[in-house]
N, C-alpha and C. Protein backbone atom coordinates (compact mmCIF):
# COMPACT_ATOMS: atom_id res chain seq x y z
N ARG A 1 -86.00 -122.81 47.02
CA ARG A 1 -85.11 -123.20 48.04
C ARG A 1 -85.95 -123.16 49.28
N VAL A 2 -86.85 -122.25 49.60
CA VAL A 2 -87.60 -122.15 50.76
C VAL A 2 -88.47 -123.42 51.00
N MET A 3 -89.07 -123.89 49.79
CA MET A 3 -89.92 -125.09 49.93
C MET A 3 -89.08 -126.28 50.30
N GLN A 4 -87.84 -126.37 49.75
CA GLN A 4 -86.80 -127.43 50.02
C GLN A 4 -86.45 -127.46 51.42
N LEU A 5 -86.19 -126.32 51.98
CA LEU A 5 -85.74 -126.25 53.50
C LEU A 5 -86.87 -126.64 54.38
N ASN A 6 -88.09 -126.40 54.03
CA ASN A 6 -89.22 -126.79 54.73
C ASN A 6 -89.69 -128.18 54.43
N GLY A 7 -89.12 -128.91 53.69
CA GLY A 7 -89.54 -130.35 53.36
C GLY A 7 -90.69 -130.55 52.51
N TYR A 8 -90.98 -129.62 51.53
CA TYR A 8 -91.99 -129.79 50.70
C TYR A 8 -91.58 -130.43 49.22
N ILE A 9 -90.31 -130.11 48.94
CA ILE A 9 -89.82 -130.65 47.75
C ILE A 9 -88.45 -131.22 48.01
N GLY A 10 -87.91 -132.04 47.16
CA GLY A 10 -86.71 -132.64 47.20
C GLY A 10 -85.66 -131.82 46.38
N GLU A 11 -84.74 -132.51 45.73
CA GLU A 11 -83.78 -131.79 44.91
C GLU A 11 -84.53 -131.15 43.62
N PHE A 12 -83.81 -130.04 43.07
CA PHE A 12 -84.37 -129.41 41.83
C PHE A 12 -83.18 -129.04 41.09
N GLU A 13 -83.35 -128.91 39.73
CA GLU A 13 -82.34 -128.50 38.83
C GLU A 13 -83.02 -127.60 37.63
N PHE A 14 -82.18 -126.78 37.24
CA PHE A 14 -82.61 -125.84 36.09
C PHE A 14 -82.11 -126.52 34.81
N ILE A 15 -82.99 -126.71 33.89
CA ILE A 15 -82.69 -127.20 32.51
C ILE A 15 -82.84 -126.19 31.47
N ASP A 16 -81.68 -125.88 30.71
CA ASP A 16 -81.67 -124.88 29.74
C ASP A 16 -82.23 -125.50 28.52
N ASP A 17 -83.31 -125.07 27.99
CA ASP A 17 -83.85 -125.66 26.73
C ASP A 17 -83.69 -124.73 25.52
N GLY A 18 -82.83 -123.74 25.69
CA GLY A 18 -82.53 -122.78 24.63
C GLY A 18 -83.54 -121.63 24.54
N ARG A 19 -84.60 -121.67 25.32
CA ARG A 19 -85.56 -120.60 25.34
C ARG A 19 -85.55 -119.98 26.76
N THR A 20 -86.68 -120.23 27.42
CA THR A 20 -86.75 -119.59 28.78
C THR A 20 -86.20 -120.60 29.86
N GLY A 21 -86.08 -121.89 29.58
CA GLY A 21 -85.59 -122.83 30.57
C GLY A 21 -86.70 -123.34 31.41
N LYS A 22 -86.36 -124.54 32.05
CA LYS A 22 -87.36 -125.23 32.92
C LYS A 22 -86.74 -125.64 34.20
N PHE A 23 -87.50 -125.90 35.21
CA PHE A 23 -87.05 -126.46 36.50
C PHE A 23 -87.55 -127.87 36.52
N LYS A 24 -86.69 -128.83 36.89
CA LYS A 24 -86.99 -130.23 37.20
C LYS A 24 -87.06 -130.39 38.79
N VAL A 25 -88.28 -130.72 39.27
CA VAL A 25 -88.41 -130.69 40.74
C VAL A 25 -88.85 -132.07 41.17
N GLN A 26 -88.21 -132.51 42.24
CA GLN A 26 -88.57 -133.90 42.78
C GLN A 26 -89.64 -133.48 43.90
N LEU A 27 -90.89 -134.08 43.74
CA LEU A 27 -91.96 -133.94 44.58
C LEU A 27 -91.96 -134.87 45.65
N LEU A 28 -92.22 -134.57 46.94
CA LEU A 28 -92.19 -135.44 48.06
C LEU A 28 -93.60 -135.93 48.52
N GLY A 29 -94.59 -135.40 47.82
CA GLY A 29 -96.01 -135.70 48.11
C GLY A 29 -96.54 -135.03 49.39
N ARG A 30 -95.93 -134.01 49.84
CA ARG A 30 -96.39 -133.33 51.03
C ARG A 30 -97.24 -132.11 50.78
N ILE A 31 -97.33 -131.73 49.41
CA ILE A 31 -98.00 -130.46 49.13
C ILE A 31 -99.56 -130.86 48.85
N ASN A 32 -100.42 -130.18 49.70
CA ASN A 32 -101.87 -130.33 49.56
C ASN A 32 -102.46 -129.32 48.64
N LYS A 33 -101.88 -128.05 48.83
CA LYS A 33 -102.26 -126.89 47.99
C LYS A 33 -101.23 -125.89 48.01
N CYS A 34 -100.97 -125.18 46.93
CA CYS A 34 -100.03 -124.12 46.94
C CYS A 34 -100.59 -123.12 45.87
N GLY A 35 -100.06 -121.89 46.01
CA GLY A 35 -100.54 -120.89 45.01
C GLY A 35 -99.79 -119.54 45.22
N ALA A 36 -99.75 -118.73 44.19
CA ALA A 36 -99.20 -117.50 44.17
C ALA A 36 -100.18 -116.55 44.84
N VAL A 37 -99.72 -115.54 45.43
CA VAL A 37 -100.59 -114.55 45.98
C VAL A 37 -100.48 -113.28 45.16
N ARG A 38 -101.70 -112.84 44.58
CA ARG A 38 -101.73 -111.77 43.70
C ARG A 38 -102.79 -110.78 44.26
N PRO A 39 -102.56 -109.56 44.32
CA PRO A 39 -101.34 -108.85 44.12
C PRO A 39 -100.37 -109.12 45.28
N ARG A 40 -99.12 -108.74 45.05
CA ARG A 40 -98.00 -109.06 45.94
C ARG A 40 -98.18 -108.06 47.15
N PHE A 41 -98.93 -108.40 48.18
CA PHE A 41 -99.24 -107.55 49.27
C PHE A 41 -97.98 -107.30 50.13
N ALA A 42 -97.87 -105.97 50.53
CA ALA A 42 -96.76 -105.57 51.45
C ALA A 42 -97.13 -106.09 52.81
N VAL A 43 -96.24 -106.69 53.42
CA VAL A 43 -96.54 -107.27 54.78
C VAL A 43 -95.45 -106.78 55.78
N GLY A 44 -95.96 -106.15 56.90
CA GLY A 44 -95.09 -105.73 57.88
C GLY A 44 -94.74 -106.84 58.82
N ALA A 45 -93.67 -106.75 59.51
CA ALA A 45 -93.24 -107.91 60.45
C ALA A 45 -94.34 -108.09 61.53
N ASP A 46 -95.07 -107.14 61.79
CA ASP A 46 -96.09 -107.32 62.89
C ASP A 46 -97.42 -107.75 62.28
N GLU A 47 -97.52 -107.80 60.85
CA GLU A 47 -98.82 -108.22 60.26
C GLU A 47 -98.67 -109.69 59.71
N ILE A 48 -97.66 -110.28 59.85
CA ILE A 48 -97.47 -111.70 59.34
C ILE A 48 -98.55 -112.57 59.86
N GLU A 49 -98.81 -112.52 61.07
CA GLU A 49 -99.79 -113.43 61.75
C GLU A 49 -101.20 -113.28 61.13
N LEU A 50 -101.58 -112.10 60.74
CA LEU A 50 -102.81 -111.88 60.18
C LEU A 50 -102.96 -112.56 58.86
N TRP A 51 -101.85 -112.47 57.95
CA TRP A 51 -101.83 -113.16 56.66
C TRP A 51 -101.75 -114.60 56.81
N GLU A 52 -101.09 -115.07 57.78
CA GLU A 52 -100.97 -116.49 58.11
C GLU A 52 -102.45 -117.02 58.47
N LYS A 53 -103.28 -116.28 59.18
CA LYS A 53 -104.66 -116.77 59.38
C LYS A 53 -105.40 -116.76 58.08
N LYS A 54 -105.17 -115.84 57.22
CA LYS A 54 -105.87 -115.71 56.00
C LYS A 54 -105.59 -116.80 54.90
N PHE A 55 -104.40 -117.19 54.84
CA PHE A 55 -103.92 -118.22 53.89
C PHE A 55 -103.69 -119.61 54.23
N LEU A 56 -103.43 -119.85 55.49
CA LEU A 56 -103.01 -121.17 55.96
C LEU A 56 -104.20 -121.79 56.76
N PRO A 57 -104.41 -123.12 56.60
CA PRO A 57 -105.51 -123.78 57.39
C PRO A 57 -105.29 -123.77 58.90
N SER A 58 -104.12 -123.87 59.44
CA SER A 58 -103.93 -123.77 60.82
C SER A 58 -102.53 -123.19 61.14
N ARG A 59 -102.34 -122.89 62.37
CA ARG A 59 -101.25 -122.14 62.74
C ARG A 59 -99.82 -122.89 62.49
N GLU A 60 -99.79 -124.21 62.61
CA GLU A 60 -98.61 -124.93 62.51
C GLU A 60 -98.53 -125.69 61.06
N MET A 61 -99.45 -125.46 60.26
CA MET A 61 -99.50 -126.10 58.96
C MET A 61 -99.24 -125.26 57.85
N GLY A 62 -98.23 -125.49 57.17
CA GLY A 62 -97.94 -124.63 55.89
C GLY A 62 -97.00 -123.51 56.13
N ILE A 63 -96.62 -122.91 55.02
CA ILE A 63 -95.68 -121.66 55.03
C ILE A 63 -96.22 -120.66 54.18
N LEU A 64 -95.99 -119.44 54.46
CA LEU A 64 -96.10 -118.25 53.53
C LEU A 64 -94.64 -118.03 52.97
N ILE A 65 -94.51 -117.67 51.75
CA ILE A 65 -93.23 -117.27 51.26
C ILE A 65 -93.27 -115.85 51.01
N ILE A 66 -92.16 -115.17 51.63
CA ILE A 66 -92.19 -113.71 51.70
C ILE A 66 -90.79 -113.20 51.13
N SER A 67 -90.85 -112.31 50.14
CA SER A 67 -89.73 -111.61 49.60
C SER A 67 -89.33 -110.43 50.43
N THR A 68 -88.14 -110.40 50.96
CA THR A 68 -87.72 -109.26 51.76
C THR A 68 -86.45 -108.68 51.12
N SER A 69 -85.98 -107.57 51.66
CA SER A 69 -84.87 -106.86 51.16
C SER A 69 -83.55 -107.74 51.49
N TYR A 70 -83.68 -108.79 52.35
CA TYR A 70 -82.58 -109.63 52.79
C TYR A 70 -82.63 -110.93 52.05
N GLY A 71 -83.64 -111.19 51.24
CA GLY A 71 -83.76 -112.45 50.51
C GLY A 71 -85.20 -112.97 50.67
N VAL A 72 -85.45 -114.28 50.18
CA VAL A 72 -86.73 -114.87 50.25
C VAL A 72 -86.71 -115.82 51.47
N PHE A 73 -87.74 -115.71 52.37
CA PHE A 73 -87.79 -116.44 53.57
C PHE A 73 -89.31 -116.92 53.71
N SER A 74 -89.38 -118.03 54.60
CA SER A 74 -90.70 -118.47 55.10
C SER A 74 -91.18 -117.37 56.04
N HIS A 75 -92.53 -117.48 56.39
CA HIS A 75 -93.03 -116.52 57.24
C HIS A 75 -92.48 -116.75 58.73
N ARG A 76 -92.14 -117.97 59.02
CA ARG A 76 -91.52 -118.25 60.41
C ARG A 76 -90.10 -117.46 60.55
N GLU A 77 -89.28 -117.58 59.44
CA GLU A 77 -88.00 -116.89 59.49
C GLU A 77 -88.18 -115.37 59.50
N ALA A 78 -89.08 -114.92 58.74
CA ALA A 78 -89.32 -113.47 58.65
C ALA A 78 -89.80 -112.96 60.07
N LYS A 79 -90.66 -113.67 60.74
CA LYS A 79 -91.17 -113.26 62.14
C LYS A 79 -89.96 -113.30 63.03
N GLU A 80 -89.15 -114.35 62.93
CA GLU A 80 -88.00 -114.55 63.90
C GLU A 80 -87.01 -113.42 63.76
N LYS A 81 -86.73 -112.92 62.40
CA LYS A 81 -85.80 -111.89 62.10
C LYS A 81 -86.46 -110.55 62.27
N LYS A 82 -87.78 -110.49 62.52
CA LYS A 82 -88.61 -109.28 62.59
C LYS A 82 -88.44 -108.35 61.30
N ILE A 83 -88.64 -108.99 60.22
CA ILE A 83 -88.57 -108.28 58.94
C ILE A 83 -89.87 -108.48 58.11
N GLY A 84 -90.31 -107.55 57.36
CA GLY A 84 -91.45 -107.70 56.50
C GLY A 84 -90.94 -107.65 55.06
N GLY A 85 -91.94 -107.72 54.24
CA GLY A 85 -91.61 -107.78 52.74
C GLY A 85 -92.81 -107.98 51.84
N ARG A 86 -92.73 -108.57 50.83
CA ARG A 86 -93.79 -108.82 49.92
C ARG A 86 -94.34 -110.28 49.97
N LEU A 87 -95.56 -110.50 50.14
CA LEU A 87 -96.09 -111.92 50.10
C LEU A 87 -96.15 -112.50 48.77
N LEU A 88 -95.44 -113.62 48.51
CA LEU A 88 -95.37 -114.18 47.25
C LEU A 88 -96.24 -115.33 47.09
N ALA A 89 -96.26 -116.26 48.04
CA ALA A 89 -97.04 -117.56 47.78
C ALA A 89 -97.37 -118.19 49.22
N PHE A 90 -98.22 -119.29 49.16
CA PHE A 90 -98.45 -120.06 50.25
C PHE A 90 -98.38 -121.61 49.81
N VAL A 91 -98.03 -122.39 50.83
CA VAL A 91 -97.93 -123.79 50.61
C VAL A 91 -98.37 -124.60 51.89
N TYR A 92 -99.11 -125.60 51.73
CA TYR A 92 -99.55 -126.44 52.85
C TYR A 92 -99.87 -127.87 52.30
């Protein structure tokens, strides 16, 4: 949902195949690189900018996806709400 709200993907749906299931995702062609962050680093609200510099090519390009106790947010939303969490992924 975070990637959809930031314009990286279109609609998506879950397809139950009787086993683990699959997601069908409409790609919009805006993703140059994406990846999971391992291990899931704990990120304080005041540390988000440091991780932004580490994983994103420039300040206004891309998003970090952060899992917080309030839900999953982009790094911009987390900074705005002044909450930290676990770093899940990056997309640009």
